[in-house]
Amino acid sequence: MVYLDFYNKLKSMDAKDYVENFLVYNTSQVIAGIKSASTVTFKKNGDKLYEKWVCYGRKFIRDIELDFVELRENENAIIVMIYNKKLLEKNIIKEIYKDFFKKLGYAQNKDIDEYIETLKFRYDLYHCPHELGLFLGIPYKDVIDFMECTEKKCLFCGYWKVYNDGSQAKKTFNQYDEIKEHTINHILKGNSSRDLAFSIKNFFYSY
């Protein structure tokens, strides 16, 4: 019922408020500093999210101090990765990932912008390369097991397929859920999108 109320609330908004609140909801974990990046799809038909993204969304993301890269666009939609640059750099540029990324054609100069450009190239080429999981905060071992089609049993599915450390994954999923619930409740109360974004950051950032 809460989700129905949320989507009905979005539909009652003008184009600018719609896309800003849509973005706050879909990137709330990134805003909170719990997740380094999220991908969002903007369709060109239906409610014309693509037009809203172009007109208002790009500026809004910059206004709330996040970055974005448009990974792939076709006649139906555009897929955008929205990210916290400092957190992404911290999570991606690690010595333990060096060989993994090198095998996939990533530069070894520790420049996060080059990593993002390579991801964009590979996303267009492969339509969702497996290493995207690392950019989105999925644990390395789970990304590897998924890539290698491991015979290891999947413990459970949530925000990703969990093969290792189920207790930590459940803790992370609970954090994600709590942030989304907080976001929905405040949108339903009528909080402005910008105020909500900064309140999420202030409330959860050191979570």
Protein backbone atom coordinates (compact mmCIF):
# COMPACT_ATOMS: atom_id res chain seq x y z
CA MET A 1 0.00 0.00 0.00
CA VAL A 2 2.85 2.41 0.83
CA TYR A 3 4.44 1.82 -2.58
CA LEU A 4 1.09 2.41 -4.29
CA ASP A 5 0.70 5.67 -2.36
CA PHE A 6 4.24 6.61 -3.35
CA TYR A 7 3.68 6.06 -7.07
CA ASN A 8 0.34 7.85 -6.94
CA LYS A 9 2.12 10.75 -5.24
CA LEU A 10 4.68 10.86 -8.05
CA LYS A 11 1.96 10.86 -10.69
CA SER A 12 0.34 13.89 -9.06
CA MET A 13 3.54 15.96 -9.41
CA ASP A 14 4.64 18.20 -12.25
CA ALA A 15 7.49 16.99 -14.47
CA LYS A 16 10.28 18.62 -12.46
CA ASP A 17 9.13 17.40 -9.04
CA TYR A 18 8.35 13.97 -10.49
CA VAL A 19 11.84 13.30 -11.82
CA GLU A 20 13.59 14.84 -8.81
CA ASN A 21 11.66 12.68 -6.34
CA PHE A 22 12.03 9.65 -8.61
CA LEU A 23 15.79 10.23 -8.55
CA VAL A 24 15.97 10.72 -4.79
CA TYR A 25 14.15 7.42 -4.30
CA ASN A 26 16.26 5.47 -6.81
CA THR A 27 19.58 6.88 -5.60
CA SER A 28 18.78 7.19 -1.90
CA GLN A 29 21.43 4.63 -0.91
CA VAL A 30 24.05 6.54 -2.91
CA ILE A 31 22.95 9.83 -1.35
CA ALA A 32 23.23 8.16 2.06
CA GLY A 33 26.83 7.11 1.38
CA ILE A 34 26.02 3.41 1.85
CA LYS A 35 26.37 2.56 -1.85
CA SER A 36 28.83 4.03 -4.34
CA ALA A 37 26.57 3.98 -7.40
CA SER A 38 23.16 3.04 -8.78
CA THR A 39 21.87 2.62 -12.32
CA VAL A 40 18.59 4.18 -13.38
CA THR A 41 16.69 3.56 -16.63
CA PHE A 42 14.76 6.41 -18.22
CA LYS A 43 12.26 5.23 -20.82
CA LYS A 44 11.35 7.38 -23.80
CA ASN A 45 7.72 6.28 -23.99
CA GLY A 46 4.96 6.10 -21.39
CA ASP A 47 5.49 8.78 -18.75
CA LYS A 48 8.38 10.24 -20.78
CA LEU A 49 10.96 9.89 -18.05
CA TYR A 50 13.72 10.47 -20.58
CA GLU A 51 12.46 13.97 -21.34
CA LYS A 52 12.20 14.71 -17.63
CA TRP A 53 15.76 13.48 -17.12
CA VAL A 54 17.11 15.72 -19.89
CA CYS A 55 15.14 18.79 -18.81
CA TYR A 56 15.55 18.55 -15.04
CA GLY A 57 17.30 15.39 -13.86
CA ARG A 58 20.87 16.09 -14.91
CA LYS A 59 20.92 19.45 -13.16
CA PHE A 60 19.30 18.01 -10.04
CA ILE A 61 21.96 15.31 -9.69
CA ARG A 62 24.67 17.95 -9.87
CA ASP A 63 22.78 20.12 -7.39
CA ILE A 64 22.76 17.33 -4.79
CA GLU A 65 26.52 16.84 -5.26
CA LEU A 66 26.49 13.54 -7.14
CA ASP A 67 27.89 12.68 -10.57
CA PHE A 68 26.47 10.65 -13.44
CA VAL A 69 27.46 8.94 -16.66
CA GLU A 70 25.03 7.99 -19.41
CA LEU A 71 26.12 4.42 -20.07
CA ARG A 72 23.95 3.50 -23.03
CA GLU A 73 21.14 4.97 -25.09
CA ASN A 74 18.87 3.49 -27.74
CA GLU A 75 15.52 4.37 -29.29
CA ASN A 76 13.65 3.14 -26.21
CA ALA A 77 15.60 4.33 -23.18
CA ILE A 78 18.80 5.64 -21.66
CA ILE A 79 20.65 3.90 -18.81
CA VAL A 80 22.44 6.20 -16.40
CA MET A 81 24.86 5.39 -13.58
CA ILE A 82 24.61 7.93 -10.77
CA TYR A 83 27.50 7.87 -8.35
CA ASN A 84 29.38 9.40 -5.45
CA LYS A 85 32.77 9.96 -7.06
CA LYS A 86 34.90 9.89 -3.90
CA LEU A 87 33.20 6.77 -2.59
CA LEU A 88 33.38 5.05 -5.98
CA GLU A 89 37.08 5.78 -6.25
CA LYS A 90 37.65 4.41 -2.75
CA ASN A 91 35.71 1.22 -3.53
CA ILE A 92 37.04 0.56 -7.03
CA ILE A 93 40.70 1.62 -7.03
CA LYS A 94 42.00 -1.21 -4.86
CA GLU A 95 45.10 -3.32 -5.24
CA ILE A 96 43.08 -6.53 -4.83
CA TYR A 97 41.03 -5.64 -7.94
CA LYS A 98 44.03 -4.69 -10.09
CA ASP A 99 44.41 -7.99 -11.97
CA PHE A 100 40.65 -8.40 -12.32
CA PHE A 101 40.23 -5.04 -14.05
CA LYS A 102 43.44 -5.44 -16.07
CA LYS A 103 42.11 -8.63 -17.67
CA LEU A 104 39.01 -6.70 -18.74
CA GLY A 105 41.00 -3.94 -20.42
CA TYR A 106 40.92 -1.27 -17.73
CA ALA A 107 43.88 1.11 -17.39
CA GLN A 108 46.14 0.67 -14.37
CA ASN A 109 46.68 4.37 -13.63
CA LYS A 110 44.20 4.62 -10.75
CA ASP A 111 42.13 7.28 -12.53
CA ILE A 112 38.46 6.72 -11.65
CA ASP A 113 37.34 8.82 -14.64
CA GLU A 114 39.15 6.44 -16.99
CA TYR A 115 37.57 3.47 -15.25
CA ILE A 116 34.14 5.03 -15.78
CA GLU A 117 34.87 5.69 -19.47
CA THR A 118 35.99 2.07 -19.91
CA LEU A 119 32.84 0.87 -18.15
CA LYS A 120 30.75 2.99 -20.53
CA PHE A 121 32.55 1.51 -23.55
CA ARG A 122 32.08 -2.04 -22.28
CA TYR A 123 28.46 -1.39 -21.29
CA ASP A 124 27.65 -0.33 -24.84
CA LEU A 125 29.54 -3.36 -26.15
CA TYR A 126 28.18 -6.03 -23.80
CA HIS A 127 24.90 -4.45 -22.59
CA CYS A 128 25.75 -4.85 -18.89
CA PRO A 129 29.25 -6.18 -18.20
CA HIS A 130 29.63 -8.22 -15.04
CA GLU A 131 32.12 -5.84 -13.44
CA LEU A 132 29.32 -3.30 -13.15
CA GLY A 133 28.48 -5.14 -9.93
CA LEU A 134 31.65 -3.81 -8.29
CA PHE A 135 30.74 -0.25 -9.26
CA LEU A 136 27.32 -0.81 -7.67
CA GLY A 137 28.80 -2.04 -4.41
CA ILE A 138 28.28 -5.78 -4.81
CA PRO A 139 30.99 -7.74 -2.95
CA TYR A 140 33.89 -8.91 -5.11
CA LYS A 141 33.50 -12.61 -4.28
CA ASP A 142 29.81 -12.55 -5.22
CA VAL A 143 30.62 -10.82 -8.51
CA ILE A 144 33.27 -13.44 -9.32
CA ASP A 145 31.01 -16.38 -8.43
CA PHE A 146 28.22 -14.95 -10.59
CA MET A 147 30.61 -14.31 -13.51
CA GLU A 148 32.06 -17.80 -13.39
CA CYS A 149 28.65 -19.48 -13.19
CA THR A 150 29.90 -21.19 -10.07
CA GLU A 151 28.40 -24.45 -8.85
CA LYS A 152 28.37 -22.90 -5.41
CA LYS A 153 24.83 -22.66 -4.11
CA CYS A 154 23.30 -19.20 -4.06
CA LEU A 155 22.44 -18.53 -0.42
CA PHE A 156 19.60 -16.14 -1.27
CA CYS A 157 18.69 -13.30 -3.61
CA GLY A 158 18.00 -9.72 -2.64
CA TYR A 159 19.63 -6.67 -4.15
CA TRP A 160 22.06 -9.17 -5.71
CA LYS A 161 22.67 -12.94 -5.74
CA VAL A 162 24.48 -13.77 -2.51
CA TYR A 163 27.02 -16.60 -2.56
CA ASN A 164 29.22 -15.54 0.36
CA ASP A 165 28.85 -13.97 3.82
CA GLY A 166 25.08 -14.09 4.05
CA SER A 167 24.98 -12.32 7.42
CA GLN A 168 26.77 -9.23 6.06
CA ALA A 169 24.57 -9.24 2.96
CA LYS A 170 21.42 -9.31 5.11
CA LYS A 171 22.76 -6.39 7.14
CA THR A 172 23.40 -4.43 3.95
CA PHE A 173 19.96 -5.28 2.54
CA ASN A 174 18.35 -4.08 5.78
CA GLN A 175 20.26 -0.80 5.54
CA TYR A 176 19.13 -0.37 1.94
CA ASP A 177 15.52 -1.07 2.91
CA GLU A 178 15.63 1.34 5.84
CA ILE A 179 16.93 4.15 3.63
CA LYS A 180 14.27 3.51 0.97
CA GLU A 181 11.52 3.44 3.60
CA HIS A 182 12.81 6.71 5.09
CA THR A 183 12.81 8.26 1.61
CA ILE A 184 9.28 7.14 0.70
CA ASN A 185 7.84 8.33 4.01
CA HIS A 186 9.34 11.79 3.59
CA ILE A 187 8.22 12.08 -0.03
CA LEU A 188 4.68 11.20 1.07
CA LYS A 189 4.91 13.92 3.72
CA GLY A 190 5.65 16.45 0.99
CA ASN A 191 9.31 17.20 1.74
CA SER A 192 11.05 19.00 -1.12
CA SER A 193 13.37 16.81 -3.16
CA ARG A 194 16.49 18.87 -2.42
CA ASP A 195 15.79 19.11 1.30
CA LEU A 196 15.12 15.37 1.41
CA ALA A 197 18.35 14.55 -0.42
CA PHE A 198 20.44 16.52 2.04
CA SER A 199 18.52 15.17 5.04
CA ILE A 200 19.20 11.60 3.85
CA LYS A 201 22.88 12.44 3.53
CA ASN A 202 23.06 14.02 6.96
CA PHE A 203 21.02 11.32 8.68
CA PHE A 204 22.62 8.21 7.17
CA TYR A 205 26.07 9.21 5.92
CA SER A 206 28.02 7.85 8.90
CA TYR A 207 25.62 4.89 9.24
